[in-house]
Amino acid sequence: MSYNAKVYMKQGGDELVVDTGGKITAAGTQADHIADVAITTDLTGVDTGTDMTAAQAATIVADLNSIKTKMNAILAALEGVGILKTS
């Protein structure tokens, strides 16, 4: 009987392969799903020669905070499985 791993190093050890259905985990635990980033800012029709409203600026800040949160979750997941060093 033979066994074919779904996650393995290619011959020579310089490339990691993850076949369909394979997972990279930390101690058998896969990182949680990170939801897609939703951008809510709508600057359609805003004249770039004028100042934006406080409400428009607030939506940009909210979108940037959402992106920051998702990026930090991605980095934590990569650190959690050992792909990135922890800081």
C-alpha atoms as a PDB file:
ATOM      1  CA  MET A   1       0.000   0.000   0.000  1.00  0.00           C
ATOM      2  CA  SER A   2       1.278   3.480  -0.811  1.00  0.00           C
ATOM      3  CA  TYR A   3       0.480   6.920   0.535  1.00  0.00           C
ATOM      4  CA  ASN A   4       0.544  10.153  -1.466  1.00  0.00           C
ATOM      5  CA  ALA A   5       0.780  13.297   0.635  1.00  0.00           C
ATOM      6  CA  LYS A   6      -1.193  16.358  -0.483  1.00  0.00           C
ATOM      7  CA  VAL A   7       1.401  18.735   0.999  1.00  0.00           C
ATOM      8  CA  TYR A   8       5.039  17.950   0.235  1.00  0.00           C
ATOM      9  CA  MET A   9       8.411  19.387  -0.740  1.00  0.00           C
ATOM     10  CA  LYS A  10       9.432  18.830  -4.355  1.00  0.00           C
ATOM     11  CA  GLN A  11      12.570  16.813  -5.061  1.00  0.00           C
ATOM     12  CA  GLY A  12      15.485  19.010  -3.973  1.00  0.00           C
ATOM     13  CA  GLY A  13      13.461  20.695  -1.228  1.00  0.00           C
ATOM     14  CA  ASP A  14      13.171  24.175  -2.746  1.00  0.00           C
ATOM     15  CA  GLU A  15       9.424  24.210  -3.448  1.00  0.00           C
ATOM     16  CA  LEU A  16       6.417  23.388  -1.242  1.00  0.00           C
ATOM     17  CA  VAL A  17       3.501  21.805  -3.128  1.00  0.00           C
ATOM     18  CA  VAL A  18      -0.082  21.817  -1.821  1.00  0.00           C
ATOM     19  CA  ASP A  19      -2.260  19.572  -4.007  1.00  0.00           C
ATOM     20  CA  THR A  20      -6.034  20.020  -4.252  1.00  0.00           C
ATOM     21  CA  GLY A  21      -7.528  19.132  -0.899  1.00  0.00           C
ATOM     22  CA  GLY A  22      -4.249  19.627   0.936  1.00  0.00           C
ATOM     23  CA  LYS A  23      -4.037  21.976   3.907  1.00  0.00           C
ATOM     24  CA  ILE A  24      -1.278  23.673   5.831  1.00  0.00           C
ATOM     25  CA  THR A  25      -2.102  23.530   9.526  1.00  0.00           C
ATOM     26  CA  ALA A  26      -0.538  24.256  12.893  1.00  0.00           C
ATOM     27  CA  ALA A  27      -0.690  21.131  15.064  1.00  0.00           C
ATOM     28  CA  GLY A  28      -3.618  19.872  12.978  1.00  0.00           C
ATOM     29  CA  THR A  29      -5.657  23.075  13.303  1.00  0.00           C
ATOM     30  CA  GLN A  30      -6.434  25.111  10.213  1.00  0.00           C
ATOM     31  CA  ALA A  31      -6.667  28.922  10.525  1.00  0.00           C
ATOM     32  CA  ASP A  32     -10.187  30.386  10.597  1.00  0.00           C
ATOM     33  CA  HIS A  33     -11.771  31.774   7.439  1.00  0.00           C
ATOM     34  CA  ILE A  34     -11.182  35.490   6.876  1.00  0.00           C
ATOM     35  CA  ALA A  35     -14.187  37.138   5.235  1.00  0.00           C
ATOM     36  CA  ASP A  36     -13.771  39.190   2.077  1.00  0.00           C
ATOM     37  CA  VAL A  37     -13.113  42.905   2.494  1.00  0.00           C
ATOM     38  CA  ALA A  38     -16.138  45.040   1.626  1.00  0.00           C
ATOM     39  CA  ILE A  39     -15.444  48.580   0.436  1.00  0.00           C
ATOM     40  CA  THR A  40     -18.323  50.933   1.267  1.00  0.00           C
ATOM     41  CA  THR A  41     -16.811  54.251   0.210  1.00  0.00           C
ATOM     42  CA  ASP A  42     -18.609  55.833  -2.718  1.00  0.00           C
ATOM     43  CA  LEU A  43     -16.991  58.947  -4.091  1.00  0.00           C
ATOM     44  CA  THR A  44     -18.889  58.866  -7.390  1.00  0.00           C
ATOM     45  CA  GLY A  45     -19.304  62.405  -8.669  1.00  0.00           C
ATOM     46  CA  VAL A  46     -16.999  63.977  -6.078  1.00  0.00           C
ATOM     47  CA  ASP A  47     -15.130  66.906  -7.573  1.00  0.00           C
ATOM     48  CA  THR A  48     -11.456  66.304  -6.829  1.00  0.00           C
ATOM     49  CA  GLY A  49     -10.921  70.055  -6.671  1.00  0.00           C
ATOM     50  CA  THR A  50     -13.111  70.396  -3.579  1.00  0.00           C
ATOM     51  CA  ASP A  51     -12.944  69.021  -0.046  1.00  0.00           C
ATOM     52  CA  MET A  52     -14.845  65.839   0.699  1.00  0.00           C
ATOM     53  CA  THR A  53     -17.538  65.786   3.328  1.00  0.00           C
ATOM     54  CA  ALA A  54     -16.939  64.483   6.829  1.00  0.00           C
ATOM     55  CA  ALA A  55     -19.237  61.537   6.053  1.00  0.00           C
ATOM     56  CA  GLN A  56     -17.173  60.614   2.977  1.00  0.00           C
ATOM     57  CA  ALA A  57     -13.955  60.862   4.986  1.00  0.00           C
ATOM     58  CA  ALA A  58     -15.490  58.678   7.714  1.00  0.00           C
ATOM     59  CA  THR A  59     -16.336  55.926   5.202  1.00  0.00           C
ATOM     60  CA  ILE A  60     -12.753  55.976   3.930  1.00  0.00           C
ATOM     61  CA  VAL A  61     -11.461  55.655   7.494  1.00  0.00           C
ATOM     62  CA  ALA A  62     -13.872  52.762   8.158  1.00  0.00           C
ATOM     63  CA  ASP A  63     -12.756  50.980   4.957  1.00  0.00           C
ATOM     64  CA  LEU A  64      -9.082  51.429   5.833  1.00  0.00           C
ATOM     65  CA  ASN A  65      -9.680  50.063   9.340  1.00  0.00           C
ATOM     66  CA  SER A  66     -11.474  47.052   7.841  1.00  0.00           C
ATOM     67  CA  ILE A  67      -8.546  46.412   5.486  1.00  0.00           C
ATOM     68  CA  LYS A  68      -6.104  46.747   8.403  1.00  0.00           C
ATOM     69  CA  THR A  69      -8.071  44.232  10.483  1.00  0.00           C
ATOM     70  CA  LYS A  70      -8.233  41.703   7.626  1.00  0.00           C
ATOM     71  CA  MET A  71      -4.522  42.096   6.801  1.00  0.00           C
ATOM     72  CA  ASN A  72      -3.577  41.560  10.439  1.00  0.00           C
ATOM     73  CA  ALA A  73      -5.744  38.413  10.506  1.00  0.00           C
ATOM     74  CA  ILE A  74      -4.008  37.108   7.366  1.00  0.00           C
ATOM     75  CA  LEU A  75      -0.578  37.774   8.871  1.00  0.00           C
ATOM     76  CA  ALA A  76      -1.575  36.084  12.145  1.00  0.00           C
ATOM     77  CA  ALA A  77      -2.820  33.022  10.229  1.00  0.00           C
ATOM     78  CA  LEU A  78       0.446  32.782   8.273  1.00  0.00           C
ATOM     79  CA  GLU A  79       2.434  33.141  11.498  1.00  0.00           C
ATOM     80  CA  GLY A  80       0.216  30.554  13.170  1.00  0.00           C
ATOM     81  CA  VAL A  81       1.177  27.830  10.673  1.00  0.00           C
ATOM     82  CA  GLY A  82       4.831  28.833  10.615  1.00  0.00           C
ATOM     83  CA  ILE A  83       4.945  30.390   7.155  1.00  0.00           C
ATOM     84  CA  LEU A  84       5.967  33.742   8.666  1.00  0.00           C
ATOM     85  CA  LYS A  85       8.084  34.366  11.735  1.00  0.00           C
ATOM     86  CA  THR A  86       6.263  35.933  14.658  1.00  0.00           C
ATOM     87  CA  SER A  87       7.302  39.437  15.537  1.00  0.00           C
END
